[in-house]
Amino acid sequence: MPPILWDNMGFWEGIKRHELVFQRCQECGTWLHPPRPVCPKCRSLEKEWAHSTGKGTVYSWVTYLESPHPSFKAPYSVVLVEMEEGVRLVSNMVDIRPQEISIGMPVEVVFDDIAEGLTLPKFRKAG
């Protein structure tokens, strides 16, 4: 997990509440992820944390057949999801066999409470 800093704190606070939020520029409406201090489209410093639909499609994925660490049970799949808002998010795919994942597959976010105070967003096949 990345360190929680001032610029990504809103994202992780939303995840703890089981809400997927991304930065959105208040000047031009561009969705931003990862969080950043300046909108890359209009250079505005004015941003807000806005709720995502939590829906997207698999843009790319990889399945790990061997575990790099005992806490990861292989095989497991990591997906790059293009969210409906246009941003992309990397996370794990759950509740599906690796051979069933495909590019363009509709997915939705689920929240995994790993430990006290630690929740991670993951994805499952939509529907």
C-alpha atoms as a PDB file:
ATOM      1  CA  MET A   1       0.000   0.000   0.000  1.00  0.00           C
ATOM      2  CA  PRO A   2       1.360   3.446  -0.832  1.00  0.00           C
ATOM      3  CA  PRO A   3       1.971   5.909   1.983  1.00  0.00           C
ATOM      4  CA  ILE A   4      -1.062   8.016   2.836  1.00  0.00           C
ATOM      5  CA  LEU A   5      -0.131  11.651   2.230  1.00  0.00           C
ATOM      6  CA  TRP A   6      -2.066  14.922   1.971  1.00  0.00           C
ATOM      7  CA  ASP A   7      -2.679  14.499  -1.762  1.00  0.00           C
ATOM      8  CA  ASN A   8      -4.127  10.958  -1.640  1.00  0.00           C
ATOM      9  CA  MET A   9      -5.739  11.053   1.813  1.00  0.00           C
ATOM     10  CA  GLY A  10      -9.226  11.719   0.402  1.00  0.00           C
ATOM     11  CA  PHE A  11      -8.995   8.593  -1.758  1.00  0.00           C
ATOM     12  CA  TRP A  12      -8.028   6.341   1.168  1.00  0.00           C
ATOM     13  CA  GLU A  13     -10.574   7.924   3.526  1.00  0.00           C
ATOM     14  CA  GLY A  14     -13.261   7.132   0.944  1.00  0.00           C
ATOM     15  CA  ILE A  15     -12.034   3.541   0.672  1.00  0.00           C
ATOM     16  CA  LYS A  16     -12.302   3.139   4.469  1.00  0.00           C
ATOM     17  CA  ARG A  17     -15.976   4.203   4.168  1.00  0.00           C
ATOM     18  CA  HIS A  18     -16.444   1.726   1.279  1.00  0.00           C
ATOM     19  CA  GLU A  19     -16.794   4.608  -1.177  1.00  0.00           C
ATOM     20  CA  LEU A  20     -14.709   4.974  -4.319  1.00  0.00           C
ATOM     21  CA  VAL A  21     -13.820   8.628  -4.841  1.00  0.00           C
ATOM     22  CA  PHE A  22     -11.488  10.346  -7.269  1.00  0.00           C
ATOM     23  CA  GLN A  23     -10.301  13.906  -7.598  1.00  0.00           C
ATOM     24  CA  ARG A  24     -12.231  16.042 -10.064  1.00  0.00           C
ATOM     25  CA  CYS A  25     -11.149  19.457 -11.291  1.00  0.00           C
ATOM     26  CA  GLN A  26     -13.663  22.115 -10.286  1.00  0.00           C
ATOM     27  CA  GLU A  27     -12.698  24.314 -13.238  1.00  0.00           C
ATOM     28  CA  CYS A  28     -12.940  21.929 -16.209  1.00  0.00           C
ATOM     29  CA  GLY A  29     -14.505  18.769 -14.710  1.00  0.00           C
ATOM     30  CA  THR A  30     -11.589  16.466 -15.571  1.00  0.00           C
ATOM     31  CA  TRP A  31     -11.373  13.360 -13.366  1.00  0.00           C
ATOM     32  CA  LEU A  32      -7.892  12.801 -11.914  1.00  0.00           C
ATOM     33  CA  HIS A  33      -6.157   9.654 -10.719  1.00  0.00           C
ATOM     34  CA  PRO A  34      -3.668   9.272  -9.243  1.00  0.00           C
ATOM     35  CA  PRO A  35      -4.343  12.368  -7.131  1.00  0.00           C
ATOM     36  CA  ARG A  36      -2.221  15.394  -7.977  1.00  0.00           C
ATOM     37  CA  PRO A  37      -1.944  19.036  -6.990  1.00  0.00           C
ATOM     38  CA  VAL A  38      -2.641  20.518 -10.454  1.00  0.00           C
ATOM     39  CA  CYS A  39      -5.159  19.590 -13.150  1.00  0.00           C
ATOM     40  CA  PRO A  40      -3.144  18.466 -16.200  1.00  0.00           C
ATOM     41  CA  LYS A  41      -5.812  19.775 -18.587  1.00  0.00           C
ATOM     42  CA  CYS A  42      -6.437  23.344 -17.376  1.00  0.00           C
ATOM     43  CA  ARG A  43      -3.712  23.798 -14.697  1.00  0.00           C
ATOM     44  CA  SER A  44      -6.267  24.641 -12.001  1.00  0.00           C
ATOM     45  CA  LEU A  45      -5.489  24.041  -8.343  1.00  0.00           C
ATOM     46  CA  GLU A  46      -9.202  23.752  -7.502  1.00  0.00           C
ATOM     47  CA  LYS A  47     -10.207  20.119  -7.030  1.00  0.00           C
ATOM     48  CA  GLU A  48     -12.843  18.146  -5.162  1.00  0.00           C
ATOM     49  CA  TRP A  49     -13.304  14.513  -4.143  1.00  0.00           C
ATOM     50  CA  ALA A  50     -16.204  13.141  -6.186  1.00  0.00           C
ATOM     51  CA  HIS A  51     -17.965   9.780  -5.982  1.00  0.00           C
ATOM     52  CA  SER A  52     -17.292   7.229  -8.697  1.00  0.00           C
ATOM     53  CA  THR A  53     -19.945   4.869  -9.997  1.00  0.00           C
ATOM     54  CA  GLY A  54     -17.526   2.079  -9.085  1.00  0.00           C
ATOM     55  CA  LYS A  55     -18.017   0.587 -12.550  1.00  0.00           C
ATOM     56  CA  GLY A  56     -15.535   0.141 -15.339  1.00  0.00           C
ATOM     57  CA  THR A  57     -14.001  -2.287 -17.804  1.00  0.00           C
ATOM     58  CA  VAL A  58     -10.833  -4.355 -17.771  1.00  0.00           C
ATOM     59  CA  TYR A  59      -8.233  -2.455 -19.792  1.00  0.00           C
ATOM     60  CA  SER A  60      -5.443  -4.971 -19.141  1.00  0.00           C
ATOM     61  CA  TRP A  61      -4.543  -7.697 -16.661  1.00  0.00           C
ATOM     62  CA  VAL A  62      -1.879 -10.131 -15.547  1.00  0.00           C
ATOM     63  CA  THR A  63      -2.162 -13.365 -13.591  1.00  0.00           C
ATOM     64  CA  TYR A  64       0.628 -14.327 -11.219  1.00  0.00           C
ATOM     65  CA  LEU A  65       1.140 -18.074 -11.071  1.00  0.00           C
ATOM     66  CA  GLU A  66       3.786 -17.924  -8.351  1.00  0.00           C
ATOM     67  CA  SER A  67       3.598 -15.841  -5.225  1.00  0.00           C
ATOM     68  CA  PRO A  68       6.307 -13.254  -4.511  1.00  0.00           C
ATOM     69  CA  HIS A  69       5.370 -13.347  -0.814  1.00  0.00           C
ATOM     70  CA  PRO A  70       3.629 -15.830   1.515  1.00  0.00           C
ATOM     71  CA  SER A  71       0.742 -13.391   2.091  1.00  0.00           C
ATOM     72  CA  PHE A  72      -0.260 -13.670  -1.597  1.00  0.00           C
ATOM     73  CA  LYS A  73      -1.932 -16.922  -2.594  1.00  0.00           C
ATOM     74  CA  ALA A  74      -1.202 -17.792  -6.215  1.00  0.00           C
ATOM     75  CA  PRO A  75      -2.681 -17.719  -8.698  1.00  0.00           C
ATOM     76  CA  TYR A  76      -4.055 -14.195  -8.393  1.00  0.00           C
ATOM     77  CA  SER A  77      -4.928 -11.604 -10.997  1.00  0.00           C
ATOM     78  CA  VAL A  78      -4.138  -7.899 -11.085  1.00  0.00           C
ATOM     79  CA  VAL A  79      -6.268  -5.737 -13.364  1.00  0.00           C
ATOM     80  CA  LEU A  80      -5.981  -2.267 -14.811  1.00  0.00           C
ATOM     81  CA  VAL A  81      -9.561  -0.987 -14.852  1.00  0.00           C
ATOM     82  CA  GLU A  82     -10.741   1.935 -16.925  1.00  0.00           C
ATOM     83  CA  MET A  83     -13.436   3.501 -14.790  1.00  0.00           C
ATOM     84  CA  GLU A  84     -16.592   5.051 -16.272  1.00  0.00           C
ATOM     85  CA  GLU A  85     -15.153   8.428 -15.245  1.00  0.00           C
ATOM     86  CA  GLY A  86     -12.154   7.877 -17.536  1.00  0.00           C
ATOM     87  CA  VAL A  87      -9.443   7.304 -14.923  1.00  0.00           C
ATOM     88  CA  ARG A  88      -7.640   3.983 -14.540  1.00  0.00           C
ATOM     89  CA  LEU A  89      -7.089   2.050 -11.331  1.00  0.00           C
ATOM     90  CA  VAL A  90      -4.859  -0.973 -10.639  1.00  0.00           C
ATOM     91  CA  SER A  91      -6.163  -3.591  -8.225  1.00  0.00           C
ATOM     92  CA  ASN A  92      -6.891  -7.265  -7.733  1.00  0.00           C
ATOM     93  CA  MET A  93      -9.676  -9.172  -9.463  1.00  0.00           C
ATOM     94  CA  VAL A  94     -11.716 -11.425  -7.163  1.00  0.00           C
ATOM     95  CA  ASP A  95     -14.358 -14.147  -7.429  1.00  0.00           C
ATOM     96  CA  ILE A  96     -13.307 -15.266 -10.907  1.00  0.00           C
ATOM     97  CA  ARG A  97     -10.921 -17.790 -12.427  1.00  0.00           C
ATOM     98  CA  PRO A  98      -7.984 -16.152 -14.247  1.00  0.00           C
ATOM     99  CA  GLN A  99      -8.907 -17.732 -17.592  1.00  0.00           C
ATOM    100  CA  GLU A 100     -12.342 -16.047 -17.445  1.00  0.00           C
ATOM    101  CA  ILE A 101     -10.927 -12.498 -17.373  1.00  0.00           C
ATOM    102  CA  SER A 102     -10.959 -10.617 -20.669  1.00  0.00           C
ATOM    103  CA  ILE A 103     -10.210  -7.145 -21.963  1.00  0.00           C
ATOM    104  CA  GLY A 104     -13.397  -5.093 -22.046  1.00  0.00           C
ATOM    105  CA  MET A 105     -15.075  -7.175 -19.323  1.00  0.00           C
ATOM    106  CA  PRO A 106     -17.447  -5.039 -17.230  1.00  0.00           C
ATOM    107  CA  VAL A 107     -16.380  -4.922 -13.577  1.00  0.00           C
ATOM    108  CA  GLU A 108     -17.490  -3.265 -10.352  1.00  0.00           C
ATOM    109  CA  VAL A 109     -15.618  -2.297  -7.226  1.00  0.00           C
ATOM    110  CA  VAL A 110     -15.858  -4.284  -4.001  1.00  0.00           C
ATOM    111  CA  PHE A 111     -14.163  -3.445  -0.731  1.00  0.00           C
ATOM    112  CA  ASP A 112     -11.974  -5.865   1.196  1.00  0.00           C
ATOM    113  CA  ASP A 113     -11.428  -5.091   4.880  1.00  0.00           C
ATOM    114  CA  ILE A 114      -7.966  -6.642   5.175  1.00  0.00           C
ATOM    115  CA  ALA A 115      -7.289  -5.648   8.786  1.00  0.00           C
ATOM    116  CA  GLU A 116      -8.324  -3.081  11.370  1.00  0.00           C
ATOM    117  CA  GLY A 117      -8.056   0.268   9.592  1.00  0.00           C
ATOM    118  CA  LEU A 118      -6.990  -1.258   6.253  1.00  0.00           C
ATOM    119  CA  THR A 119      -9.487  -1.584   3.416  1.00  0.00           C
ATOM    120  CA  LEU A 120      -8.567  -2.156  -0.221  1.00  0.00           C
ATOM    121  CA  PRO A 121     -10.659  -1.650  -3.352  1.00  0.00           C
ATOM    122  CA  LYS A 122     -10.845  -4.736  -5.550  1.00  0.00           C
ATOM    123  CA  PHE A 123     -12.891  -5.657  -8.599  1.00  0.00           C
ATOM    124  CA  ARG A 124     -15.292  -8.420  -9.571  1.00  0.00           C
ATOM    125  CA  LYS A 125     -17.171  -9.175 -12.752  1.00  0.00           C
ATOM    126  CA  ALA A 126     -20.207  -6.884 -12.965  1.00  0.00           C
ATOM    127  CA  GLY A 127     -23.669  -8.310 -12.816  1.00  0.00           C
END
